[in-house]
Amino acid sequence: MNRVLEARVNAGFSHTLTATKEALVSQGLQVMSQVDIRAAVETDCDTPIDPYVVLGAYIPDVVVAAVGSDPSAALFCMFVIVVRGDGDGTKVESYNPATFLSISDHGASGVGAAGERLEAAMAELASGRYDDRQRP
């Protein structure tokens, strides 16, 4: 099992950030936060870096089911997706939630399904559908 799910999109950063949100929503994930790491690092450290945003996402029905059985289960139901500049394209990465199945049974049934949804979103991004060359 891959611990990291990833996709490379042959498109600019802003385009890929929007495409990533679309792909996540198409798989039933809701984006609840967006942190501009580039802006924070450049402000706090006065060091330029490539575009870099971290998205926080969740699947509402998975959270409801997991938290219903154990309030601490939400720790395993929130997903971090990194969108970052990668040369002439953009890389999208997330940890594979199925990794947690080996360390916890909190919301286990939903976590496996969440991993499948994140994998589907990454596959959608990697398919070329969102590449700049594929859009009118």
Foldseek 3Di string as FASTA:
>chain_A
DAQKAKAWAQADQVLVVVLLCVLLVVLQKHWDDKDFVQVVCCVPVVDGDWTKMKTKIFRVVLQVVLCVVPVVLVVLGIWIWMWTDDVSTIMIMTTQSQVCVVVDPRSNVSSNSVSVSVNSSRCVRRVNCSHPVNDD
